[in-house]
Amino acid sequence: MVHPGIDRAKPVPLYHQLKESLRERIEAGEWSPGSQIPTEKELAAEYGVSQITVRQALARLVTEGLVERCQGRGTFVSQPSLVQDILDLGGFSAGFASAGVGIETRLLGAGIVPASEGVAKHLKLNQGSPVIEVRRLRLTGNGVPISLQTSYMPSDLCRPVLERDLARESLFTLLTDVCGLELARAEEVLSAVAVDEYEAKILLVAPGSPAFLVRRTTFDKNGTPVEFVKSVLRGDRCKFTATLTPRANGRASGMRVETGMSASPAERGEQTIGIKTQVS
């Protein structure tokens, strides 16, 4: 008997149908995070497909971060991905804290550097102007790296942050409470990328692993850009969500959808995944 998750009449590869069926069962909670799913042989018998097809489906679920394969032990459901609301103007840690997820921060470096051409463009400064650069690694509460963040701020507006504990204090909070800035809106671009060797080493993944590149520019109430941050997030550990509400004219509030190449393709050579948010 063929499993209802498999339709051989469909012009869709069997491994893909199997992958989607297993995904639905995992997301429905049939197997909880950390639990072992049936063996390749058992799944092949259940779905009426070959073990090669099962192996292909599981390999893709591993790539997507939904399951983990342990040599000699079997296949286990991964811990759930962290979910970030892309329409939230608040800081990185605060966004996860509101969902009850603890985030640790490791400071990799901080200081004043000359603005590159790209950073100067985002902050509306002259190239070479002094900017504060803060490099931080974000980790889950159990020490799994999830994001490599590099923030840039105008030195004349934000110098007091260098005197603070940047491994413990939120930059978002420091900009408002210490620097006295009133943050009003942010523009964010989300792209799909593959990590390079340096990013892979920091994030503990293989070079070329899928990731999200998030570029956010935050503005104060006068429209002055006060922070530009680039975040590389592990694709197997993070998800992004957006809640859309229709306006009277039928358009969604707060989001503009774009397709094609990102605003500055030469910078990384990646393609956007189709979402640009403008938070206000």
C-alpha atoms as a PDB file:
ATOM      1  CA  MET A   1       0.000   0.000   0.000  1.00  0.00           C
ATOM      2  CA  VAL A   2       1.363   3.395  -1.019  1.00  0.00           C
ATOM      3  CA  HIS A   3       1.632   5.995   1.744  1.00  0.00           C
ATOM      4  CA  PRO A   4      -0.760   8.981   1.252  1.00  0.00           C
ATOM      5  CA  GLY A   5       2.271  11.257   1.244  1.00  0.00           C
ATOM      6  CA  ILE A   6       3.440   9.690  -2.018  1.00  0.00           C
ATOM      7  CA  ASP A   7       1.630  10.119  -5.342  1.00  0.00           C
ATOM      8  CA  ARG A   8       3.442   8.351  -8.162  1.00  0.00           C
ATOM      9  CA  ALA A   9       1.195  10.043 -10.723  1.00  0.00           C
ATOM     10  CA  LYS A  10       2.568  13.452  -9.802  1.00  0.00           C
ATOM     11  CA  PRO A  11       5.336  14.971 -11.966  1.00  0.00           C
ATOM     12  CA  VAL A  12       7.294  15.532  -8.741  1.00  0.00           C
ATOM     13  CA  PRO A  13      10.317  13.400  -7.750  1.00  0.00           C
ATOM     14  CA  LEU A  14       9.570  10.817  -5.074  1.00  0.00           C
ATOM     15  CA  TYR A  15      12.395  12.039  -2.842  1.00  0.00           C
ATOM     16  CA  HIS A  16      10.850  15.527  -2.850  1.00  0.00           C
ATOM     17  CA  GLN A  17       7.406  14.207  -1.972  1.00  0.00           C
ATOM     18  CA  LEU A  18       8.931  12.132   0.814  1.00  0.00           C
ATOM     19  CA  LYS A  19      10.918  15.101   2.119  1.00  0.00           C
ATOM     20  CA  GLU A  20       7.781  17.246   2.272  1.00  0.00           C
ATOM     21  CA  SER A  21       5.804  14.497   3.978  1.00  0.00           C
ATOM     22  CA  LEU A  22       8.485  14.025   6.623  1.00  0.00           C
ATOM     23  CA  ARG A  23       8.688  17.791   7.102  1.00  0.00           C
ATOM     24  CA  GLU A  24       4.952  17.978   7.736  1.00  0.00           C
ATOM     25  CA  ARG A  25       5.128  15.182  10.279  1.00  0.00           C
ATOM     26  CA  ILE A  26       8.007  16.829  12.111  1.00  0.00           C
ATOM     27  CA  GLU A  27       6.328  20.250  12.106  1.00  0.00           C
ATOM     28  CA  ALA A  28       3.113  18.642  13.348  1.00  0.00           C
ATOM     29  CA  GLY A  29       5.038  17.335  16.358  1.00  0.00           C
ATOM     30  CA  GLU A  30       4.890  13.616  15.556  1.00  0.00           C
ATOM     31  CA  TRP A  31       8.578  13.489  16.466  1.00  0.00           C
ATOM     32  CA  SER A  32       9.767  16.005  19.054  1.00  0.00           C
ATOM     33  CA  PRO A  33      13.135  17.832  18.890  1.00  0.00           C
ATOM     34  CA  GLY A  34      15.941  15.476  19.831  1.00  0.00           C
ATOM     35  CA  SER A  35      13.936  12.327  19.159  1.00  0.00           C
ATOM     36  CA  GLN A  36      14.940   9.684  16.640  1.00  0.00           C
ATOM     37  CA  ILE A  37      12.870   9.175  13.509  1.00  0.00           C
ATOM     38  CA  PRO A  38      12.386   5.740  11.895  1.00  0.00           C
ATOM     39  CA  THR A  39      15.323   4.166  10.102  1.00  0.00           C
ATOM     40  CA  GLU A  40      15.831   4.352   6.350  1.00  0.00           C
ATOM     41  CA  LYS A  41      14.605   0.762   6.029  1.00  0.00           C
ATOM     42  CA  GLU A  42      11.476   1.468   8.067  1.00  0.00           C
ATOM     43  CA  LEU A  43      10.661   4.631   6.127  1.00  0.00           C
ATOM     44  CA  ALA A  44      11.217   2.849   2.810  1.00  0.00           C
ATOM     45  CA  ALA A  45       8.751   0.155   3.842  1.00  0.00           C
ATOM     46  CA  GLU A  46       6.218   2.661   5.183  1.00  0.00           C
ATOM     47  CA  TYR A  47       6.248   4.834   2.057  1.00  0.00           C
ATOM     48  CA  GLY A  48       6.769   2.078  -0.505  1.00  0.00           C
ATOM     49  CA  VAL A  49       9.957   3.616  -1.907  1.00  0.00           C
ATOM     50  CA  SER A  50      13.604   2.565  -2.113  1.00  0.00           C
ATOM     51  CA  GLN A  51      16.134   3.261   0.612  1.00  0.00           C
ATOM     52  CA  ILE A  52      18.028   5.388  -1.928  1.00  0.00           C
ATOM     53  CA  THR A  53      14.961   7.643  -2.197  1.00  0.00           C
ATOM     54  CA  VAL A  54      14.757   7.858   1.602  1.00  0.00           C
ATOM     55  CA  ARG A  55      18.453   8.699   1.776  1.00  0.00           C
ATOM     56  CA  GLN A  56      17.986  11.524  -0.748  1.00  0.00           C
ATOM     57  CA  ALA A  57      15.058  12.971   1.196  1.00  0.00           C
ATOM     58  CA  LEU A  58      16.881  12.828   4.526  1.00  0.00           C
ATOM     59  CA  ALA A  59      19.994  14.400   3.019  1.00  0.00           C
ATOM     60  CA  ARG A  60      17.949  17.419   1.968  1.00  0.00           C
ATOM     61  CA  LEU A  61      16.294  17.680   5.386  1.00  0.00           C
ATOM     62  CA  VAL A  62      19.775  17.652   6.921  1.00  0.00           C
ATOM     63  CA  THR A  63      20.843  20.480   4.605  1.00  0.00           C
ATOM     64  CA  GLU A  64      17.780  22.464   5.625  1.00  0.00           C
ATOM     65  CA  GLY A  65      18.595  21.918   9.309  1.00  0.00           C
ATOM     66  CA  LEU A  66      15.427  20.002  10.101  1.00  0.00           C
ATOM     67  CA  VAL A  67      17.160  16.756  11.094  1.00  0.00           C
ATOM     68  CA  GLU A  68      20.650  15.658  12.121  1.00  0.00           C
ATOM     69  CA  ARG A  69      22.327  12.374  11.215  1.00  0.00           C
ATOM     70  CA  CYS A  70      24.579  10.737  13.810  1.00  0.00           C
ATOM     71  CA  GLN A  71      26.973   8.080  12.544  1.00  0.00           C
ATOM     72  CA  GLY A  72      26.008   4.687  13.920  1.00  0.00           C
ATOM     73  CA  ARG A  73      23.020   6.041  15.828  1.00  0.00           C
ATOM     74  CA  GLY A  74      20.450   7.224  13.302  1.00  0.00           C
ATOM     75  CA  THR A  75      18.601  10.385  12.329  1.00  0.00           C
ATOM     76  CA  PHE A  76      17.268  12.804  14.919  1.00  0.00           C
ATOM     77  CA  VAL A  77      14.976  15.832  14.797  1.00  0.00           C
ATOM     78  CA  SER A  78      16.959  19.049  15.210  1.00  0.00           C
ATOM     79  CA  GLN A  79      16.199  21.641  17.820  1.00  0.00           C
ATOM     80  CA  PRO A  80      13.744  24.223  16.426  1.00  0.00           C
ATOM     81  CA  SER A  81      15.149  27.180  14.510  1.00  0.00           C
ATOM     82  CA  LEU A  82      15.180  30.586  16.130  1.00  0.00           C
ATOM     83  CA  VAL A  83      12.453  32.808  14.719  1.00  0.00           C
ATOM     84  CA  GLN A  84      12.990  36.543  14.205  1.00  0.00           C
ATOM     85  CA  ASP A  85      10.231  38.997  13.308  1.00  0.00           C
ATOM     86  CA  ILE A  86      11.644  40.997  10.394  1.00  0.00           C
ATOM     87  CA  LEU A  87       9.248  43.863  11.114  1.00  0.00           C
ATOM     88  CA  ASP A  88      10.572  44.392  14.647  1.00  0.00           C
ATOM     89  CA  LEU A  89      12.628  47.552  15.103  1.00  0.00           C
ATOM     90  CA  GLY A  90      14.052  46.344  18.429  1.00  0.00           C
ATOM     91  CA  GLY A  91      17.499  44.876  18.936  1.00  0.00           C
ATOM     92  CA  PHE A  92      18.607  41.343  18.065  1.00  0.00           C
ATOM     93  CA  SER A  93      18.618  39.991  21.631  1.00  0.00           C
ATOM     94  CA  ALA A  94      15.389  41.742  22.581  1.00  0.00           C
ATOM     95  CA  GLY A  95      13.576  40.200  19.645  1.00  0.00           C
ATOM     96  CA  PHE A  96      14.441  36.679  20.763  1.00  0.00           C
ATOM     97  CA  ALA A  97      14.005  37.511  24.465  1.00  0.00           C
ATOM     98  CA  SER A  98      10.393  38.487  23.809  1.00  0.00           C
ATOM     99  CA  ALA A  99       9.902  34.950  22.504  1.00  0.00           C
ATOM    100  CA  GLY A 100      11.560  33.470  25.594  1.00  0.00           C
ATOM    101  CA  VAL A 101      14.824  32.581  23.829  1.00  0.00           C
ATOM    102  CA  GLY A 102      18.090  33.436  25.574  1.00  0.00           C
ATOM    103  CA  ILE A 103      20.922  34.803  23.428  1.00  0.00           C
ATOM    104  CA  GLU A 104      24.578  35.059  24.434  1.00  0.00           C
ATOM    105  CA  THR A 105      26.993  37.559  22.915  1.00  0.00           C
ATOM    106  CA  ARG A 106      30.732  37.216  22.389  1.00  0.00           C
ATOM    107  CA  LEU A 107      32.601  40.412  21.507  1.00  0.00           C
ATOM    108  CA  LEU A 108      35.083  39.807  18.701  1.00  0.00           C
ATOM    109  CA  GLY A 109      36.357  43.357  18.415  1.00  0.00           C
ATOM    110  CA  ALA A 110      35.439  47.037  18.671  1.00  0.00           C
ATOM    111  CA  GLY A 111      37.155  50.262  17.661  1.00  0.00           C
ATOM    112  CA  ILE A 112      37.216  53.218  15.306  1.00  0.00           C
ATOM    113  CA  VAL A 113      37.967  52.554  11.628  1.00  0.00           C
ATOM    114  CA  PRO A 114      37.747  54.590   8.409  1.00  0.00           C
ATOM    115  CA  ALA A 115      34.426  54.075   6.631  1.00  0.00           C
ATOM    116  CA  SER A 116      34.625  51.954   3.504  1.00  0.00           C
ATOM    117  CA  GLU A 117      32.770  53.076   0.417  1.00  0.00           C
ATOM    118  CA  GLY A 118      29.817  50.824   1.199  1.00  0.00           C
ATOM    119  CA  VAL A 119      29.571  51.760   4.868  1.00  0.00           C
ATOM    120  CA  ALA A 120      29.896  55.460   4.039  1.00  0.00           C
ATOM    121  CA  LYS A 121      27.044  55.158   1.558  1.00  0.00           C
ATOM    122  CA  HIS A 122      24.731  53.563   4.107  1.00  0.00           C
ATOM    123  CA  LEU A 123      25.581  56.075   6.832  1.00  0.00           C
ATOM    124  CA  LYS A 124      25.619  59.033   4.400  1.00  0.00           C
ATOM    125  CA  LEU A 125      29.200  59.929   5.295  1.00  0.00           C
ATOM    126  CA  ASN A 126      32.304  60.643   3.276  1.00  0.00           C
ATOM    127  CA  GLN A 127      34.458  57.639   2.522  1.00  0.00           C
ATOM    128  CA  GLY A 128      37.214  57.431   5.138  1.00  0.00           C
ATOM    129  CA  SER A 129      35.183  59.199   7.833  1.00  0.00           C
ATOM    130  CA  PRO A 130      35.755  57.702  11.303  1.00  0.00           C
ATOM    131  CA  VAL A 131      33.109  55.154  12.262  1.00  0.00           C
ATOM    132  CA  ILE A 132      32.758  52.781  15.174  1.00  0.00           C
ATOM    133  CA  GLU A 133      32.990  49.133  14.177  1.00  0.00           C
ATOM    134  CA  VAL A 134      31.650  46.466  16.548  1.00  0.00           C
ATOM    135  CA  ARG A 135      32.019  42.779  15.658  1.00  0.00           C
ATOM    136  CA  ARG A 136      30.012  40.316  17.718  1.00  0.00           C
ATOM    137  CA  LEU A 137      29.108  36.634  17.619  1.00  0.00           C
ATOM    138  CA  ARG A 138      25.611  35.687  18.769  1.00  0.00           C
ATOM    139  CA  LEU A 139      25.028  32.260  20.271  1.00  0.00           C
ATOM    140  CA  THR A 140      22.102  30.304  21.662  1.00  0.00           C
ATOM    141  CA  GLY A 141      21.909  29.665  25.389  1.00  0.00           C
ATOM    142  CA  ASN A 142      23.664  26.318  24.920  1.00  0.00           C
ATOM    143  CA  GLY A 143      26.550  27.883  23.018  1.00  0.00           C
ATOM    144  CA  VAL A 144      25.618  27.232  19.377  1.00  0.00           C
ATOM    145  CA  PRO A 145      26.751  30.119  17.108  1.00  0.00           C
ATOM    146  CA  ILE A 146      23.882  31.533  15.061  1.00  0.00           C
ATOM    147  CA  SER A 147      24.914  34.974  13.846  1.00  0.00           C
ATOM    148  CA  LEU A 148      28.032  36.977  13.017  1.00  0.00           C
ATOM    149  CA  GLN A 149      27.212  40.680  13.290  1.00  0.00           C
ATOM    150  CA  THR A 150      29.264  43.700  12.281  1.00  0.00           C
ATOM    151  CA  SER A 151      27.843  47.090  13.233  1.00  0.00           C
ATOM    152  CA  TYR A 152      28.978  50.526  12.071  1.00  0.00           C
ATOM    153  CA  MET A 153      28.016  53.825  13.702  1.00  0.00           C
ATOM    154  CA  PRO A 154      29.093  57.460  13.156  1.00  0.00           C
ATOM    155  CA  SER A 155      31.892  58.170  15.578  1.00  0.00           C
ATOM    156  CA  ASP A 156      30.693  61.671  16.446  1.00  0.00           C
ATOM    157  CA  LEU A 157      27.232  60.433  17.460  1.00  0.00           C
ATOM    158  CA  CYS A 158      27.979  57.089  19.073  1.00  0.00           C
ATOM    159  CA  ARG A 159      31.454  57.227  20.635  1.00  0.00           C
ATOM    160  CA  PRO A 160      30.099  56.545  24.187  1.00  0.00           C
ATOM    161  CA  VAL A 161      29.257  52.942  23.215  1.00  0.00           C
ATOM    162  CA  LEU A 162      32.976  52.115  23.182  1.00  0.00           C
ATOM    163  CA  GLU A 163      33.055  52.698  26.928  1.00  0.00           C
ATOM    164  CA  ARG A 164      30.350  50.131  27.592  1.00  0.00           C
ATOM    165  CA  ASP A 165      30.301  46.341  27.945  1.00  0.00           C
ATOM    166  CA  LEU A 166      29.344  45.403  24.390  1.00  0.00           C
ATOM    167  CA  ALA A 167      29.230  41.703  25.219  1.00  0.00           C
ATOM    168  CA  ARG A 168      26.441  42.270  27.711  1.00  0.00           C
ATOM    169  CA  GLU A 169      24.617  45.433  26.701  1.00  0.00           C
ATOM    170  CA  SER A 170      22.315  45.890  23.717  1.00  0.00           C
ATOM    171  CA  LEU A 171      23.516  48.341  21.070  1.00  0.00           C
ATOM    172  CA  PHE A 172      19.901  49.317  20.493  1.00  0.00           C
ATOM    173  CA  THR A 173      19.572  50.267  24.149  1.00  0.00           C
ATOM    174  CA  LEU A 174      22.943  52.039  24.215  1.00  0.00           C
ATOM    175  CA  LEU A 175      22.054  54.167  21.203  1.00  0.00           C
ATOM    176  CA  THR A 176      18.868  55.348  22.884  1.00  0.00           C
ATOM    177  CA  ASP A 177      19.815  55.516  26.578  1.00  0.00           C
ATOM    178  CA  VAL A 178      23.520  56.425  26.419  1.00  0.00           C
ATOM    179  CA  CYS A 179      23.862  58.287  23.137  1.00  0.00           C
ATOM    180  CA  GLY A 180      20.488  59.983  23.494  1.00  0.00           C
ATOM    181  CA  LEU A 181      19.281  59.059  20.014  1.00  0.00           C
ATOM    182  CA  GLU A 182      15.601  58.626  19.216  1.00  0.00           C
ATOM    183  CA  LEU A 183      15.424  55.689  16.821  1.00  0.00           C
ATOM    184  CA  ALA A 184      12.474  56.088  14.485  1.00  0.00           C
ATOM    185  CA  ARG A 185      12.729  53.573  11.643  1.00  0.00           C
ATOM    186  CA  ALA A 186      14.942  51.057   9.884  1.00  0.00           C
ATOM    187  CA  GLU A 187      15.404  49.716   6.380  1.00  0.00           C
ATOM    188  CA  GLU A 188      16.380  46.070   6.076  1.00  0.00           C
ATOM    189  CA  VAL A 189      17.394  43.887   3.152  1.00  0.00           C
ATOM    190  CA  LEU A 190      17.427  40.101   3.520  1.00  0.00           C
ATOM    191  CA  SER A 191      19.516  38.023   1.089  1.00  0.00           C
ATOM    192  CA  ALA A 192      20.360  34.359   0.634  1.00  0.00           C
ATOM    193  CA  VAL A 193      24.126  33.696   0.636  1.00  0.00           C
ATOM    194  CA  ALA A 194      26.713  30.973   1.116  1.00  0.00           C
ATOM    195  CA  VAL A 195      29.192  31.508   3.949  1.00  0.00           C
ATOM    196  CA  ASP A 196      32.867  31.989   3.137  1.00  0.00           C
ATOM    197  CA  GLU A 197      35.728  30.272   4.965  1.00  0.00           C
ATOM    198  CA  TYR A 198      36.042  32.947   7.669  1.00  0.00           C
ATOM    199  CA  GLU A 199      32.306  33.007   8.396  1.00  0.00           C
ATOM    200  CA  ALA A 200      32.183  29.211   8.362  1.00  0.00           C
ATOM    201  CA  LYS A 201      34.964  29.009  10.948  1.00  0.00           C
ATOM    202  CA  ILE A 202      33.196  31.469  13.264  1.00  0.00           C
ATOM    203  CA  LEU A 203      29.743  29.929  12.846  1.00  0.00           C
ATOM    204  CA  LEU A 204      31.004  26.317  13.038  1.00  0.00           C
ATOM    205  CA  VAL A 205      29.585  25.250   9.694  1.00  0.00           C
ATOM    206  CA  ALA A 206      31.118  24.044   6.441  1.00  0.00           C
ATOM    207  CA  PRO A 207      32.237  26.674   3.885  1.00  0.00           C
ATOM    208  CA  GLY A 208      29.475  27.212   1.358  1.00  0.00           C
ATOM    209  CA  SER A 209      26.703  26.447   3.855  1.00  0.00           C
ATOM    210  CA  PRO A 210      23.468  28.392   3.266  1.00  0.00           C
ATOM    211  CA  ALA A 211      22.931  31.503   5.332  1.00  0.00           C
ATOM    212  CA  PHE A 212      20.971  34.722   5.506  1.00  0.00           C
ATOM    213  CA  LEU A 213      22.692  38.059   5.047  1.00  0.00           C
ATOM    214  CA  VAL A 214      20.703  40.831   6.699  1.00  0.00           C
ATOM    215  CA  ARG A 215      21.665  44.459   6.129  1.00  0.00           C
ATOM    216  CA  ARG A 216      19.881  46.981   8.318  1.00  0.00           C
ATOM    217  CA  THR A 217      20.233  50.758   8.426  1.00  0.00           C
ATOM    218  CA  THR A 218      18.610  52.467  11.405  1.00  0.00           C
ATOM    219  CA  PHE A 219      17.587  56.137  11.344  1.00  0.00           C
ATOM    220  CA  ASP A 220      16.826  58.642  14.092  1.00  0.00           C
ATOM    221  CA  LYS A 221      13.769  60.898  14.172  1.00  0.00           C
ATOM    222  CA  ASN A 222      15.526  63.418  11.905  1.00  0.00           C
ATOM    223  CA  GLY A 223      16.189  60.804   9.242  1.00  0.00           C
ATOM    224  CA  THR A 224      19.908  60.582  10.022  1.00  0.00           C
ATOM    225  CA  PRO A 225      21.355  57.069   9.691  1.00  0.00           C
ATOM    226  CA  VAL A 226      22.882  56.138  13.041  1.00  0.00           C
ATOM    227  CA  GLU A 227      23.739  52.461  12.566  1.00  0.00           C
ATOM    228  CA  PHE A 228      24.448  50.109   9.681  1.00  0.00           C
ATOM    229  CA  VAL A 229      24.714  46.443  10.620  1.00  0.00           C
ATOM    230  CA  LYS A 230      25.502  43.365   8.558  1.00  0.00           C
ATOM    231  CA  SER A 231      24.425  40.053  10.064  1.00  0.00           C
ATOM    232  CA  VAL A 232      25.264  36.621   8.675  1.00  0.00           C
ATOM    233  CA  LEU A 233      22.867  34.079  10.168  1.00  0.00           C
ATOM    234  CA  ARG A 234      23.060  30.313   9.842  1.00  0.00           C
ATOM    235  CA  GLY A 235      20.383  29.106   7.472  1.00  0.00           C
ATOM    236  CA  ASP A 236      19.885  25.907   9.477  1.00  0.00           C
ATOM    237  CA  ARG A 237      19.242  27.759  12.724  1.00  0.00           C
ATOM    238  CA  CYS A 238      17.155  30.803  11.847  1.00  0.00           C
ATOM    239  CA  LYS A 239      13.837  31.671  10.288  1.00  0.00           C
ATOM    240  CA  PHE A 240      12.254  35.034   9.554  1.00  0.00           C
ATOM    241  CA  THR A 241       8.591  35.905   9.834  1.00  0.00           C
ATOM    242  CA  ALA A 242       6.444  38.882   8.935  1.00  0.00           C
ATOM    243  CA  THR A 243       2.874  39.677   9.895  1.00  0.00           C
ATOM    244  CA  LEU A 244       1.123  41.620   7.142  1.00  0.00           C
ATOM    245  CA  THR A 245      -2.009  43.688   7.644  1.00  0.00           C
ATOM    246  CA  PRO A 246      -3.944  45.148   4.696  1.00  0.00           C
ATOM    247  CA  ARG A 247      -4.485  48.850   4.308  1.00  0.00           C
ATOM    248  CA  ALA A 248      -7.668  50.352   2.939  1.00  0.00           C
ATOM    249  CA  ASN A 249      -6.206  50.251  -0.573  1.00  0.00           C
ATOM    250  CA  GLY A 250      -5.431  46.557  -0.203  1.00  0.00           C
ATOM    251  CA  ARG A 251      -1.654  46.912   0.118  1.00  0.00           C
ATOM    252  CA  ALA A 252       0.256  45.332   2.967  1.00  0.00           C
ATOM    253  CA  SER A 253       1.511  47.699   5.631  1.00  0.00           C
ATOM    254  CA  GLY A 254       5.201  48.056   6.306  1.00  0.00           C
ATOM    255  CA  MET A 255       6.660  45.837   3.589  1.00  0.00           C
ATOM    256  CA  ARG A 256       7.783  46.284   0.036  1.00  0.00           C
ATOM    257  CA  VAL A 257       8.510  43.178  -2.015  1.00  0.00           C
ATOM    258  CA  GLU A 258      11.306  43.266  -4.582  1.00  0.00           C
ATOM    259  CA  THR A 259      12.707  40.643  -6.911  1.00  0.00           C
ATOM    260  CA  GLY A 260      15.981  40.155  -8.748  1.00  0.00           C
ATOM    261  CA  MET A 261      19.450  41.163  -7.672  1.00  0.00           C
ATOM    262  CA  SER A 262      20.132  42.923  -4.391  1.00  0.00           C
ATOM    263  CA  ALA A 263      20.836  46.642  -4.236  1.00  0.00           C
ATOM    264  CA  SER A 264      24.598  46.113  -4.326  1.00  0.00           C
ATOM    265  CA  PRO A 265      25.284  42.740  -6.004  1.00  0.00           C
ATOM    266  CA  ALA A 266      28.978  43.486  -6.430  1.00  0.00           C
ATOM    267  CA  GLU A 267      29.414  43.552  -2.675  1.00  0.00           C
ATOM    268  CA  ARG A 268      28.769  39.787  -2.249  1.00  0.00           C
ATOM    269  CA  GLY A 269      27.376  38.549  -5.536  1.00  0.00           C
ATOM    270  CA  GLU A 270      24.277  37.082  -3.906  1.00  0.00           C
ATOM    271  CA  GLN A 271      20.632  37.216  -4.894  1.00  0.00           C
ATOM    272  CA  THR A 272      17.923  38.487  -2.600  1.00  0.00           C
ATOM    273  CA  ILE A 273      15.192  36.083  -1.588  1.00  0.00           C
ATOM    274  CA  GLY A 274      12.588  38.664  -2.432  1.00  0.00           C
ATOM    275  CA  ILE A 275      11.846  40.643   0.717  1.00  0.00           C
ATOM    276  CA  LYS A 276      12.798  44.161   1.647  1.00  0.00           C
ATOM    277  CA  THR A 277      11.342  45.563   4.839  1.00  0.00           C
ATOM    278  CA  GLN A 278      10.952  49.185   5.755  1.00  0.00           C
ATOM    279  CA  VAL A 279      10.023  49.556   9.396  1.00  0.00           C
ATOM    280  CA  SER A 280       8.446  52.713  10.671  1.00  0.00           C
END
